[in-house]
């Protein structure tokens, strides 16, 4: 399947390249037109639908809720010390 797609892609690239270089010119000889379509009268289907209902409200209830307690503790944290390299001194010009 991939091989067929690759061949079609290469063929398309070849046609585009031939048209771009002027080796292939395509001219339309006669005009085209869309086919005529006639639509006869019809009738939509009759549909009956019943839906349920959704009620939204509030109710007061007593529930257990977790509490969060904050306390101070000493912990060891890693640190990073960054020092810039010293500026390079200019080298004397070669004689």
N, C-alpha and C. Protein backbone atom coordinates (compact mmCIF):
# COMPACT_ATOMS: atom_id res chain seq x y z
N UNK A 1 0.82 -1.18 0.00
CA UNK A 1 0.00 0.00 0.00
C UNK A 1 0.87 1.25 0.00
N UNK A 2 1.93 1.24 0.83
CA UNK A 2 2.83 2.39 0.87
C UNK A 2 3.51 2.58 -0.47
N UNK A 3 3.86 1.48 -1.10
CA UNK A 3 4.57 1.58 -2.38
C UNK A 3 3.68 2.25 -3.43
N UNK A 4 2.40 1.94 -3.42
CA UNK A 4 1.48 2.56 -4.38
C UNK A 4 1.37 4.06 -4.09
N UNK A 5 1.27 4.44 -2.82
CA UNK A 5 1.19 5.85 -2.47
C UNK A 5 2.47 6.59 -2.84
N UNK A 6 3.61 5.95 -2.64
CA UNK A 6 4.88 6.56 -3.02
C UNK A 6 4.94 6.75 -4.53
N UNK A 7 4.52 5.75 -5.30
CA UNK A 7 4.53 5.88 -6.75
C UNK A 7 3.59 6.99 -7.23
N UNK A 8 2.41 7.09 -6.63
CA UNK A 8 1.47 8.15 -7.00
C UNK A 8 2.07 9.52 -6.66
N UNK A 9 2.71 9.62 -5.50
CA UNK A 9 3.35 10.87 -5.11
C UNK A 9 4.47 11.26 -6.05
N UNK A 10 5.29 10.29 -6.43
CA UNK A 10 6.39 10.57 -7.36
C UNK A 10 5.85 10.97 -8.73
N UNK A 11 4.78 10.32 -9.17
CA UNK A 11 4.17 10.67 -10.45
C UNK A 11 3.63 12.10 -10.41
N UNK A 12 2.97 12.46 -9.31
CA UNK A 12 2.45 13.82 -9.18
C UNK A 12 3.58 14.83 -9.18
N UNK A 13 4.67 14.54 -8.47
CA UNK A 13 5.82 15.45 -8.47
C UNK A 13 6.43 15.57 -9.86
N UNK A 14 6.46 14.47 -10.61
CA UNK A 14 6.98 14.50 -11.96
C UNK A 14 6.13 15.37 -12.87
N UNK A 15 4.81 15.26 -12.75
CA UNK A 15 3.90 16.09 -13.56
C UNK A 15 4.08 17.56 -13.21
N UNK A 16 4.16 17.88 -11.93
CA UNK A 16 4.36 19.27 -11.51
C UNK A 16 5.69 19.80 -12.02
N UNK A 17 6.74 19.00 -11.92
CA UNK A 17 8.06 19.43 -12.41
C UNK A 17 8.03 19.64 -13.92
N UNK A 18 7.36 18.76 -14.66
CA UNK A 18 7.28 18.90 -16.12
C UNK A 18 6.50 20.15 -16.50
N UNK A 19 5.43 20.46 -15.76
CA UNK A 19 4.67 21.66 -16.04
C UNK A 19 5.46 22.92 -15.68
N UNK A 20 6.21 22.86 -14.59
CA UNK A 20 6.99 24.02 -14.16
C UNK A 20 8.11 24.35 -15.14
N UNK A 21 8.69 23.35 -15.75
CA UNK A 21 9.80 23.59 -16.69
C UNK A 21 9.31 23.82 -18.11
N UNK A 22 8.02 23.73 -18.35
CA UNK A 22 7.49 23.96 -19.68
C UNK A 22 7.51 22.72 -20.57
N UNK A 23 7.85 21.58 -20.05
CA UNK A 23 7.89 20.36 -20.83
C UNK A 23 6.49 19.78 -21.04
N UNK A 24 5.53 20.19 -20.23
CA UNK A 24 4.17 19.68 -20.32
C UNK A 24 3.21 20.85 -20.23
N UNK A 25 2.32 20.94 -21.19
CA UNK A 25 1.30 21.98 -21.19
C UNK A 25 -0.06 21.31 -21.33
N UNK A 26 -1.00 21.69 -20.49
CA UNK A 26 -2.33 21.10 -20.53
C UNK A 26 -3.31 22.21 -20.89
N UNK A 27 -4.07 22.03 -21.98
CA UNK A 27 -5.07 22.99 -22.42
C UNK A 27 -6.43 22.32 -22.45
N UNK A 28 -7.46 23.02 -22.02
CA UNK A 28 -8.82 22.49 -22.02
C UNK A 28 -9.43 22.74 -23.40
N UNK A 29 -9.95 21.70 -24.03
CA UNK A 29 -10.50 21.80 -25.38
C UNK A 29 -11.96 22.23 -25.38
N UNK A 30 -12.76 21.70 -24.49
CA UNK A 30 -14.18 22.06 -24.42
C UNK A 30 -14.52 22.40 -22.98
N UNK A 31 -15.57 23.20 -22.81
CA UNK A 31 -16.00 23.58 -21.47
C UNK A 31 -16.72 22.44 -20.77
N UNK A 32 -16.67 22.43 -19.49
CA UNK A 32 -17.36 21.41 -18.71
C UNK A 32 -18.57 22.01 -18.03
N UNK A 33 -19.48 21.17 -17.60
CA UNK A 33 -20.64 21.65 -16.87
C UNK A 33 -21.07 20.58 -15.87
N UNK A 34 -21.75 21.04 -14.84
CA UNK A 34 -22.24 20.11 -13.83
C UNK A 34 -23.51 19.44 -14.33
N UNK A 35 -23.78 18.25 -13.88
CA UNK A 35 -25.02 17.59 -14.31
C UNK A 35 -26.24 18.30 -13.70
N UNK A 36 -27.34 18.23 -14.40
CA UNK A 36 -28.57 18.83 -13.87
C UNK A 36 -29.27 17.82 -12.98
N UNK A 37 -29.80 18.31 -11.90
CA UNK A 37 -30.48 17.45 -10.93
C UNK A 37 -31.84 18.06 -10.64
N UNK A 38 -32.88 17.25 -10.70
CA UNK A 38 -34.21 17.75 -10.36
C UNK A 38 -34.65 17.09 -9.07
N UNK A 39 -35.30 17.88 -8.24
CA UNK A 39 -35.75 17.38 -6.95
C UNK A 39 -37.27 17.38 -6.95
N UNK A 40 -37.87 16.25 -6.71
CA UNK A 40 -39.32 16.13 -6.63
C UNK A 40 -39.76 16.45 -5.20
N UNK A 41 -41.02 16.82 -5.04
CA UNK A 41 -41.55 17.13 -3.72
C UNK A 41 -41.48 15.94 -2.79
N UNK A 42 -41.35 16.20 -1.52
CA UNK A 42 -41.27 15.13 -0.54
C UNK A 42 -41.97 15.54 0.73
N UNK A 43 -41.84 14.73 1.74
CA UNK A 43 -42.49 15.03 3.01
C UNK A 43 -41.54 14.65 4.12
N UNK A 44 -41.43 15.54 5.09
CA UNK A 44 -40.60 15.24 6.24
C UNK A 44 -41.31 14.24 7.14
N UNK A 45 -40.57 13.39 7.82
CA UNK A 45 -41.21 12.42 8.71
C UNK A 45 -41.77 13.14 9.94
N UNK A 46 -42.86 12.61 10.47
CA UNK A 46 -43.44 13.15 11.69
C UNK A 46 -42.79 12.44 12.87
N UNK A 47 -42.35 13.24 13.85
CA UNK A 47 -41.61 12.70 14.98
C UNK A 47 -42.25 13.22 16.26
N UNK A 48 -42.38 12.35 17.24
CA UNK A 48 -42.88 12.73 18.55
C UNK A 48 -41.80 12.36 19.56
N UNK A 49 -41.46 13.31 20.44
CA UNK A 49 -40.41 13.06 21.42
C UNK A 49 -40.86 13.56 22.78
N UNK A 50 -40.58 12.78 23.80
CA UNK A 50 -40.86 13.18 25.16
C UNK A 50 -39.55 13.18 25.92
N UNK A 51 -39.35 14.20 26.72
CA UNK A 51 -38.10 14.31 27.46
C UNK A 51 -38.39 14.32 28.96
N UNK A 52 -37.40 13.94 29.72
CA UNK A 52 -37.51 13.99 31.17
C UNK A 52 -37.16 15.39 31.65
N UNK A 53 -37.18 15.57 32.97
CA UNK A 53 -36.85 16.87 33.54
C UNK A 53 -35.74 16.70 34.56
N UNK A 54 -35.01 17.77 34.77
CA UNK A 54 -33.92 17.78 35.73
C UNK A 54 -34.18 18.90 36.71
N UNK A 55 -34.17 18.59 37.99
CA UNK A 55 -34.38 19.61 39.01
C UNK A 55 -33.06 19.93 39.70
N UNK A 56 -32.79 21.22 39.91
CA UNK A 56 -31.56 21.65 40.57
C UNK A 56 -31.96 22.48 41.78
N UNK A 57 -31.37 22.18 42.93
CA UNK A 57 -31.71 22.91 44.14
C UNK A 57 -30.60 22.82 45.16
N UNK A 58 -30.84 23.29 46.37
CA UNK A 58 -29.88 23.27 47.47
C UNK A 58 -30.49 22.58 48.67
N UNK A 59 -29.64 21.85 49.40
CA UNK A 59 -30.06 21.22 50.64
C UNK A 59 -28.96 21.42 51.66
N UNK A 60 -29.29 21.85 52.87
CA UNK A 60 -28.31 22.05 53.93
C UNK A 60 -28.09 20.74 54.67
N UNK A 61 -26.85 20.26 54.69
CA UNK A 61 -26.49 19.03 55.40
C UNK A 61 -25.22 19.29 56.20
N UNK A 62 -25.03 18.57 57.29
CA UNK A 62 -23.82 18.66 58.08
C UNK A 62 -22.92 17.48 57.72
N UNK A 63 -21.72 17.80 57.27
CA UNK A 63 -20.77 16.77 56.88
C UNK A 63 -19.41 17.06 57.51
N UNK A 64 -18.56 16.05 57.61
CA UNK A 64 -17.22 16.23 58.14
C UNK A 64 -16.32 16.78 57.05
N UNK A 65 -15.56 17.82 57.40
CA UNK A 65 -14.67 18.46 56.44
C UNK A 65 -13.27 18.45 57.04
N UNK A 66 -12.24 18.06 56.28
CA UNK A 66 -10.88 18.06 56.82
C UNK A 66 -10.38 19.50 57.02
N UNK A 67 -9.55 19.67 58.04
CA UNK A 67 -8.95 20.98 58.29
C UNK A 67 -7.45 20.87 58.06
N UNK A 68 -6.85 21.97 57.70
CA UNK A 68 -5.41 22.02 57.44
C UNK A 68 -4.79 22.89 58.50
N UNK A 69 -3.72 22.37 59.13
CA UNK A 69 -3.03 23.11 60.17
C UNK A 69 -1.63 23.46 59.67
N UNK A 70 -1.27 24.71 59.81
CA UNK A 70 0.06 25.15 59.38
C UNK A 70 0.94 25.27 60.62
N UNK A 71 2.19 24.76 60.51
CA UNK A 71 3.15 24.92 61.59
C UNK A 71 4.52 25.13 60.98
N UNK A 72 5.40 25.78 61.72
CA UNK A 72 6.74 26.06 61.23
C UNK A 72 7.67 24.92 61.62
N UNK A 73 8.50 24.52 60.65
CA UNK A 73 9.49 23.47 60.89
C UNK A 73 10.77 23.85 60.17
N UNK A 74 11.90 23.44 60.69
CA UNK A 74 13.18 23.71 60.06
C UNK A 74 13.56 22.50 59.22
N UNK A 75 13.86 22.77 57.96
CA UNK A 75 14.27 21.71 57.04
C UNK A 75 15.54 22.15 56.34
N UNK A 76 16.31 21.19 55.84
CA UNK A 76 17.55 21.47 55.12
C UNK A 76 17.24 21.50 53.63
N UNK A 77 17.57 22.63 52.98
CA UNK A 77 17.31 22.79 51.56
C UNK A 77 18.63 22.88 50.80
N UNK A 78 18.71 22.35 49.60
CA UNK A 78 19.95 22.46 48.82
C UNK A 78 20.13 23.88 48.30
N UNK A 79 21.38 24.29 48.17
CA UNK A 79 21.69 25.61 47.62
C UNK A 79 22.65 25.46 46.46
N UNK A 80 22.67 26.45 45.59
CA UNK A 80 23.57 26.46 44.44
C UNK A 80 24.29 27.80 44.44
N UNK A 81 25.60 27.77 44.33
CA UNK A 81 26.40 28.99 44.29
C UNK A 81 27.04 29.07 42.91
N UNK A 82 26.71 30.12 42.18
CA UNK A 82 27.23 30.28 40.81
C UNK A 82 28.15 31.47 40.79
N UNK A 83 29.38 31.28 40.28
CA UNK A 83 30.35 32.37 40.14
C UNK A 83 30.72 32.47 38.67
N UNK A 84 30.76 33.71 38.16
CA UNK A 84 31.14 33.91 36.78
C UNK A 84 32.63 33.72 36.62
N UNK A 85 33.03 33.27 35.44
CA UNK A 85 34.45 33.11 35.15
C UNK A 85 35.08 34.49 35.01
N UNK A 86 36.35 34.62 35.40
CA UNK A 86 37.00 35.93 35.26
C UNK A 86 37.12 36.28 33.78
N UNK A 87 37.10 37.59 33.51
CA UNK A 87 37.20 38.05 32.12
C UNK A 87 38.57 37.68 31.58
N UNK A 88 38.59 37.19 30.35
CA UNK A 88 39.85 36.77 29.72
C UNK A 88 40.64 38.02 29.35
N UNK A 89 41.95 38.00 29.64
CA UNK A 89 42.80 39.14 29.27
C UNK A 89 43.13 39.03 27.79
N UNK A 90 43.18 40.17 27.09
CA UNK A 90 43.47 40.11 25.65
C UNK A 90 44.89 39.61 25.40
N UNK A 91 45.02 38.78 24.38
CA UNK A 91 46.35 38.26 24.05
C UNK A 91 47.09 39.28 23.20
N UNK A 92 48.41 39.37 23.39
CA UNK A 92 49.17 40.32 22.57
C UNK A 92 49.17 39.90 21.11
N UNK A 93 49.17 40.87 20.23
CA UNK A 93 49.15 40.59 18.79
C UNK A 93 50.44 39.89 18.38
N UNK A 94 50.33 38.95 17.47
CA UNK A 94 51.51 38.22 16.98
C UNK A 94 52.33 39.14 16.11
N UNK A 95 53.69 39.06 16.26
CA UNK A 95 54.58 39.93 15.49
C UNK A 95 54.97 39.29 14.19
